[in-house]
Amino acid sequence: MPIDAKNQKVLSDAYHERQSVFISGDGLPITFQTFILNVHDDHVKLSNRIKPRYISAFVASHAFSLQAGMVRFQSDHISSDGEHIIFPLKADAVIEETRQAERFSLGADERVIAEILNPFDGETRLSKAVMDMSATGLSIRTTFESKLFQPETYLPQIRVFIGGEIYKQGPGRVVYRRKLMDLGGLMRNQVGVKFEN
């Protein structure tokens, strides 16, 4: 059974607006950032951004996930046309995110920065690129693993700047950290933060 029109639109919008989507498999603790190349009723074609050294572990997975906007599509298999990833779409394998607020993906050209006060020394301020944001939280990209970005870490002050102007500020808490291979093939950490107020 094909996915419904609303979820088809999520994928079509991501394709037309060249928004990043994220694919992962349970055989590998890395999420890969990629783009949709084509949307069909029963599958999407994705740019293959998985480096050769990770392919065998990735394809040996038993569960695959494709995150597009606020919707996660799941499958127990993927295939390939020899160059690209073919991710099957089934109506019973769609999970709508439970976040209350719509989340927006941000490109590097949008200059959205989160300035985070280090809670361990109360002085150092770290500036990180914001990957996506909603009224209730955001995710940032960082190049190094740090105690600062462990889940449950309380961040007393986060200031979000858009184009150099303060857009939002307040405390937050780290809710997740995952390994992410970005579009340039570099290994990063994606850190999810929920605003506390």
C-alpha atoms as a PDB file:
ATOM      1  CA  MET A   1       0.000   0.000   0.000  1.00  0.00           C
ATOM      2  CA  PRO A   2       1.505   3.407  -0.965  1.00  0.00           C
ATOM      3  CA  ILE A   3       2.182   6.137   1.578  1.00  0.00           C
ATOM      4  CA  ASP A   4      -0.448   8.865   1.966  1.00  0.00           C
ATOM      5  CA  ALA A   5      -0.409  12.197   0.125  1.00  0.00           C
ATOM      6  CA  LYS A   6       0.808  14.155   3.172  1.00  0.00           C
ATOM      7  CA  ASN A   7       3.943  12.040   3.586  1.00  0.00           C
ATOM      8  CA  GLN A   8       4.481  11.930  -0.182  1.00  0.00           C
ATOM      9  CA  LYS A   9       4.489  15.754  -0.038  1.00  0.00           C
ATOM     10  CA  VAL A  10       7.139  15.739   2.730  1.00  0.00           C
ATOM     11  CA  LEU A  11       9.447  13.805   0.406  1.00  0.00           C
ATOM     12  CA  SER A  12       8.554  15.874  -2.677  1.00  0.00           C
ATOM     13  CA  ASP A  13       9.216  19.117  -0.783  1.00  0.00           C
ATOM     14  CA  ALA A  14      12.597  17.817   0.433  1.00  0.00           C
ATOM     15  CA  TYR A  15      13.437  16.884  -3.176  1.00  0.00           C
ATOM     16  CA  HIS A  16      12.343  20.177  -4.754  1.00  0.00           C
ATOM     17  CA  GLU A  17      13.927  22.345  -2.061  1.00  0.00           C
ATOM     18  CA  ARG A  18      17.162  20.274  -2.001  1.00  0.00           C
ATOM     19  CA  GLN A  19      16.800  19.723   1.752  1.00  0.00           C
ATOM     20  CA  SER A  20      19.060  17.194   3.416  1.00  0.00           C
ATOM     21  CA  VAL A  21      17.586  13.897   4.544  1.00  0.00           C
ATOM     22  CA  PHE A  22      19.224  11.359   6.862  1.00  0.00           C
ATOM     23  CA  ILE A  23      19.567   7.612   6.340  1.00  0.00           C
ATOM     24  CA  SER A  24      20.758   5.061   8.884  1.00  0.00           C
ATOM     25  CA  GLY A  25      20.859   1.303   9.393  1.00  0.00           C
ATOM     26  CA  ASP A  26      20.965  -0.648  12.651  1.00  0.00           C
ATOM     27  CA  GLY A  27      24.200  -2.392  11.610  1.00  0.00           C
ATOM     28  CA  LEU A  28      26.221   0.810  11.915  1.00  0.00           C
ATOM     29  CA  PRO A  29      26.124   3.606  14.544  1.00  0.00           C
ATOM     30  CA  ILE A  30      26.435   6.361  11.914  1.00  0.00           C
ATOM     31  CA  THR A  31      23.743   8.478  10.267  1.00  0.00           C
ATOM     32  CA  PHE A  32      24.451   9.654   6.714  1.00  0.00           C
ATOM     33  CA  GLN A  33      23.311  13.030   5.419  1.00  0.00           C
ATOM     34  CA  THR A  34      22.145  12.855   1.795  1.00  0.00           C
ATOM     35  CA  PHE A  35      19.702  14.196  -0.832  1.00  0.00           C
ATOM     36  CA  ILE A  36      16.652  12.781  -2.575  1.00  0.00           C
ATOM     37  CA  LEU A  37      17.192  12.382  -6.332  1.00  0.00           C
ATOM     38  CA  ASN A  38      13.719  11.090  -7.237  1.00  0.00           C
ATOM     39  CA  VAL A  39      10.385  10.413  -5.533  1.00  0.00           C
ATOM     40  CA  HIS A  40       8.086   7.589  -6.715  1.00  0.00           C
ATOM     41  CA  ASP A  41       4.914   6.087  -5.251  1.00  0.00           C
ATOM     42  CA  ASP A  42       6.702   3.087  -3.783  1.00  0.00           C
ATOM     43  CA  HIS A  43      10.322   4.265  -3.337  1.00  0.00           C
ATOM     44  CA  VAL A  44      12.735   7.196  -3.245  1.00  0.00           C
ATOM     45  CA  LYS A  45      16.104   7.308  -4.927  1.00  0.00           C
ATOM     46  CA  LEU A  46      18.868   8.758  -2.719  1.00  0.00           C
ATOM     47  CA  SER A  47      22.339  10.001  -3.522  1.00  0.00           C
ATOM     48  CA  ASN A  48      24.763   7.389  -2.167  1.00  0.00           C
ATOM     49  CA  ARG A  49      26.924   9.263   0.368  1.00  0.00           C
ATOM     50  CA  ILE A  50      28.091   6.121   2.187  1.00  0.00           C
ATOM     51  CA  LYS A  51      31.850   5.672   1.993  1.00  0.00           C
ATOM     52  CA  PRO A  52      33.061   2.279   0.662  1.00  0.00           C
ATOM     53  CA  ARG A  53      34.498   1.238   4.049  1.00  0.00           C
ATOM     54  CA  TYR A  54      31.017   1.448   5.634  1.00  0.00           C
ATOM     55  CA  ILE A  55      28.942  -0.131   2.858  1.00  0.00           C
ATOM     56  CA  SER A  56      29.115  -3.797   3.974  1.00  0.00           C
ATOM     57  CA  ALA A  57      28.123  -3.038   7.590  1.00  0.00           C
ATOM     58  CA  PHE A  58      25.395  -0.693   6.368  1.00  0.00           C
ATOM     59  CA  VAL A  59      23.764  -3.104   3.898  1.00  0.00           C
ATOM     60  CA  ALA A  60      23.967  -5.934   6.459  1.00  0.00           C
ATOM     61  CA  SER A  61      21.515  -3.965   8.649  1.00  0.00           C
ATOM     62  CA  HIS A  62      18.101  -5.496   9.411  1.00  0.00           C
ATOM     63  CA  ALA A  63      16.317  -2.145   9.862  1.00  0.00           C
ATOM     64  CA  PHE A  64      16.775   1.083   7.907  1.00  0.00           C
ATOM     65  CA  SER A  65      15.469   4.543   8.642  1.00  0.00           C
ATOM     66  CA  LEU A  66      15.065   7.623   6.436  1.00  0.00           C
ATOM     67  CA  GLN A  67      14.386  10.935   8.197  1.00  0.00           C
ATOM     68  CA  ALA A  68      12.837  13.709   6.108  1.00  0.00           C
ATOM     69  CA  GLY A  69      11.627  16.749   8.016  1.00  0.00           C
ATOM     70  CA  MET A  70       9.433  15.518  10.865  1.00  0.00           C
ATOM     71  CA  VAL A  71       8.718  12.114   9.349  1.00  0.00           C
ATOM     72  CA  ARG A  72      10.721   8.907   9.648  1.00  0.00           C
ATOM     73  CA  PHE A  73      10.284   6.166   7.078  1.00  0.00           C
ATOM     74  CA  GLN A  74      11.362   2.635   7.973  1.00  0.00           C
ATOM     75  CA  SER A  75      12.201  -0.465   5.976  1.00  0.00           C
ATOM     76  CA  ASP A  76      13.702  -3.895   6.563  1.00  0.00           C
ATOM     77  CA  HIS A  77      15.694  -3.662   3.303  1.00  0.00           C
ATOM     78  CA  ILE A  78      17.130  -1.248   0.766  1.00  0.00           C
ATOM     79  CA  SER A  79      18.413  -1.821  -2.754  1.00  0.00           C
ATOM     80  CA  SER A  80      20.556  -0.057  -5.336  1.00  0.00           C
ATOM     81  CA  ASP A  81      20.497   0.690  -9.045  1.00  0.00           C
ATOM     82  CA  GLY A  82      24.275   0.239  -9.067  1.00  0.00           C
ATOM     83  CA  GLU A  83      24.975   3.838  -8.131  1.00  0.00           C
ATOM     84  CA  HIS A  84      22.183   5.212  -5.920  1.00  0.00           C
ATOM     85  CA  ILE A  85      20.273   3.938  -2.890  1.00  0.00           C
ATOM     86  CA  ILE A  86      16.665   2.852  -3.453  1.00  0.00           C
ATOM     87  CA  PHE A  87      14.632   3.206  -0.249  1.00  0.00           C
ATOM     88  CA  PRO A  88      11.205   1.472  -0.391  1.00  0.00           C
ATOM     89  CA  LEU A  89       8.117   3.308   0.871  1.00  0.00           C
ATOM     90  CA  LYS A  90       5.288   1.496   2.660  1.00  0.00           C
ATOM     91  CA  ALA A  91       2.312   3.106   4.383  1.00  0.00           C
ATOM     92  CA  ASP A  92       2.651   0.931   7.490  1.00  0.00           C
ATOM     93  CA  ALA A  93       6.303   1.942   7.987  1.00  0.00           C
ATOM     94  CA  VAL A  94       5.862   5.697   8.489  1.00  0.00           C
ATOM     95  CA  ILE A  95       6.438   7.263  11.899  1.00  0.00           C
ATOM     96  CA  GLU A  96       5.411  10.873  12.432  1.00  0.00           C
ATOM     97  CA  GLU A  97       7.651  12.663  14.896  1.00  0.00           C
ATOM     98  CA  THR A  98       5.963  13.535  18.165  1.00  0.00           C
ATOM     99  CA  ARG A  99       7.514  16.980  18.477  1.00  0.00           C
ATOM    100  CA  GLN A 100       4.824  19.601  18.988  1.00  0.00           C
ATOM    101  CA  ALA A 101       6.494  22.220  16.811  1.00  0.00           C
ATOM    102  CA  GLU A 102       7.401  22.092  13.150  1.00  0.00           C
ATOM    103  CA  ARG A 103      11.134  21.720  12.593  1.00  0.00           C
ATOM    104  CA  PHE A 104      13.011  23.573   9.862  1.00  0.00           C
ATOM    105  CA  SER A 105      16.233  22.357   8.245  1.00  0.00           C
ATOM    106  CA  LEU A 106      18.811  25.069   7.707  1.00  0.00           C
ATOM    107  CA  GLY A 107      21.506  25.357   5.073  1.00  0.00           C
ATOM    108  CA  ALA A 108      25.039  26.634   5.668  1.00  0.00           C
ATOM    109  CA  ASP A 109      24.183  29.797   3.715  1.00  0.00           C
ATOM    110  CA  GLU A 110      21.502  30.741   6.259  1.00  0.00           C
ATOM    111  CA  ARG A 111      24.087  31.623   8.932  1.00  0.00           C
ATOM    112  CA  VAL A 112      22.210  30.330  11.953  1.00  0.00           C
ATOM    113  CA  ILE A 113      24.570  29.949  14.909  1.00  0.00           C
ATOM    114  CA  ALA A 114      24.027  28.707  18.456  1.00  0.00           C
ATOM    115  CA  GLU A 115      26.337  30.261  21.045  1.00  0.00           C
ATOM    116  CA  ILE A 116      26.523  27.966  24.079  1.00  0.00           C
ATOM    117  CA  LEU A 117      27.919  28.917  27.471  1.00  0.00           C
ATOM    118  CA  ASN A 118      30.072  26.069  28.794  1.00  0.00           C
ATOM    119  CA  PRO A 119      28.357  24.947  32.037  1.00  0.00           C
ATOM    120  CA  PHE A 120      31.595  23.455  33.411  1.00  0.00           C
ATOM    121  CA  ASP A 121      33.603  26.689  33.541  1.00  0.00           C
ATOM    122  CA  GLY A 122      30.791  29.263  33.247  1.00  0.00           C
ATOM    123  CA  GLU A 123      32.960  31.421  30.941  1.00  0.00           C
ATOM    124  CA  THR A 124      33.788  29.776  27.624  1.00  0.00           C
ATOM    125  CA  ARG A 125      31.326  30.395  24.800  1.00  0.00           C
ATOM    126  CA  LEU A 126      31.173  27.911  21.927  1.00  0.00           C
ATOM    127  CA  SER A 127      29.678  28.803  18.549  1.00  0.00           C
ATOM    128  CA  LYS A 128      28.109  25.940  16.586  1.00  0.00           C
ATOM    129  CA  ALA A 129      26.253  25.796  13.276  1.00  0.00           C
ATOM    130  CA  VAL A 130      22.544  25.022  13.698  1.00  0.00           C
ATOM    131  CA  MET A 131      21.326  22.179  11.443  1.00  0.00           C
ATOM    132  CA  ASP A 132      17.620  22.449  12.213  1.00  0.00           C
ATOM    133  CA  MET A 133      15.452  24.266  14.693  1.00  0.00           C
ATOM    134  CA  SER A 134      11.909  24.466  16.039  1.00  0.00           C
ATOM    135  CA  ALA A 135      10.183  26.399  18.818  1.00  0.00           C
ATOM    136  CA  THR A 136      11.066  23.599  21.248  1.00  0.00           C
ATOM    137  CA  GLY A 137      14.662  22.782  20.323  1.00  0.00           C
ATOM    138  CA  LEU A 138      17.466  22.607  17.801  1.00  0.00           C
ATOM    139  CA  SER A 139      20.257  20.391  16.582  1.00  0.00           C
ATOM    140  CA  ILE A 140      23.834  21.516  16.091  1.00  0.00           C
ATOM    141  CA  ARG A 141      26.832  20.065  14.326  1.00  0.00           C
ATOM    142  CA  THR A 142      30.142  19.667  16.131  1.00  0.00           C
ATOM    143  CA  THR A 143      33.437  18.165  15.007  1.00  0.00           C
ATOM    144  CA  PHE A 144      34.581  16.739  18.329  1.00  0.00           C
ATOM    145  CA  GLU A 145      33.185  14.566  21.092  1.00  0.00           C
ATOM    146  CA  SER A 146      32.954  16.380  24.380  1.00  0.00           C
ATOM    147  CA  LYS A 147      31.505  15.873  27.863  1.00  0.00           C
ATOM    148  CA  LEU A 148      29.586  19.058  27.163  1.00  0.00           C
ATOM    149  CA  PHE A 149      27.412  17.273  24.599  1.00  0.00           C
ATOM    150  CA  GLN A 150      26.554  14.121  26.570  1.00  0.00           C
ATOM    151  CA  PRO A 151      22.798  13.461  26.795  1.00  0.00           C
ATOM    152  CA  GLU A 152      21.178  15.078  29.873  1.00  0.00           C
ATOM    153  CA  THR A 153      23.830  17.846  30.115  1.00  0.00           C
ATOM    154  CA  TYR A 154      22.158  21.078  31.238  1.00  0.00           C
ATOM    155  CA  LEU A 155      23.180  24.132  29.193  1.00  0.00           C
ATOM    156  CA  PRO A 156      22.417  27.268  31.246  1.00  0.00           C
ATOM    157  CA  GLN A 157      22.594  29.688  28.322  1.00  0.00           C
ATOM    158  CA  ILE A 158      22.035  29.210  24.600  1.00  0.00           C
ATOM    159  CA  ARG A 159      21.785  32.171  22.269  1.00  0.00           C
ATOM    160  CA  VAL A 160      20.605  31.568  18.700  1.00  0.00           C
ATOM    161  CA  PHE A 161      21.727  34.104  16.100  1.00  0.00           C
ATOM    162  CA  ILE A 162      20.218  34.426  12.632  1.00  0.00           C
ATOM    163  CA  GLY A 163      22.237  36.670  10.331  1.00  0.00           C
ATOM    164  CA  GLY A 164      24.100  38.083  13.350  1.00  0.00           C
ATOM    165  CA  GLU A 165      20.929  39.082  15.257  1.00  0.00           C
ATOM    166  CA  ILE A 166      19.708  37.309  18.420  1.00  0.00           C
ATOM    167  CA  TYR A 167      16.629  35.236  17.556  1.00  0.00           C
ATOM    168  CA  LYS A 168      16.153  33.250  20.783  1.00  0.00           C
ATOM    169  CA  GLN A 169      17.948  32.742  24.089  1.00  0.00           C
ATOM    170  CA  GLY A 170      17.546  30.658  27.224  1.00  0.00           C
ATOM    171  CA  PRO A 171      18.630  27.392  28.848  1.00  0.00           C
ATOM    172  CA  GLY A 172      18.449  23.936  27.289  1.00  0.00           C
ATOM    173  CA  ARG A 173      19.321  20.293  27.796  1.00  0.00           C
ATOM    174  CA  VAL A 174      21.129  17.846  25.500  1.00  0.00           C
ATOM    175  CA  VAL A 175      18.719  15.071  24.473  1.00  0.00           C
ATOM    176  CA  TYR A 176      20.856  13.068  22.022  1.00  0.00           C
ATOM    177  CA  ARG A 177      24.194  12.852  20.259  1.00  0.00           C
ATOM    178  CA  ARG A 178      24.780  10.772  17.139  1.00  0.00           C
ATOM    179  CA  LYS A 179      27.617  10.237  14.701  1.00  0.00           C
ATOM    180  CA  LEU A 180      26.844  11.931  11.406  1.00  0.00           C
ATOM    181  CA  MET A 181      28.654  11.761   8.088  1.00  0.00           C
ATOM    182  CA  ASP A 182      27.923  15.081   6.417  1.00  0.00           C
ATOM    183  CA  LEU A 183      27.515  15.829   2.710  1.00  0.00           C
ATOM    184  CA  GLY A 184      31.259  16.462   2.397  1.00  0.00           C
ATOM    185  CA  GLY A 185      32.043  12.974   3.742  1.00  0.00           C
ATOM    186  CA  LEU A 186      33.372  14.298   7.060  1.00  0.00           C
ATOM    187  CA  MET A 187      32.488  12.633  10.358  1.00  0.00           C
ATOM    188  CA  ARG A 188      30.672  14.975  12.727  1.00  0.00           C
ATOM    189  CA  ASN A 189      28.481  14.729  15.787  1.00  0.00           C
ATOM    190  CA  GLN A 190      24.885  15.891  15.573  1.00  0.00           C
ATOM    191  CA  VAL A 191      23.660  17.063  18.967  1.00  0.00           C
ATOM    192  CA  GLY A 192      19.974  17.556  19.769  1.00  0.00           C
ATOM    193  CA  VAL A 193      19.075  20.171  22.372  1.00  0.00           C
ATOM    194  CA  LYS A 194      15.664  20.835  23.903  1.00  0.00           C
ATOM    195  CA  PHE A 195      14.894  24.310  25.185  1.00  0.00           C
ATOM    196  CA  GLU A 196      14.012  24.247  28.877  1.00  0.00           C
ATOM    197  CA  ASN A 197      11.455  27.038  28.926  1.00  0.00           C
END
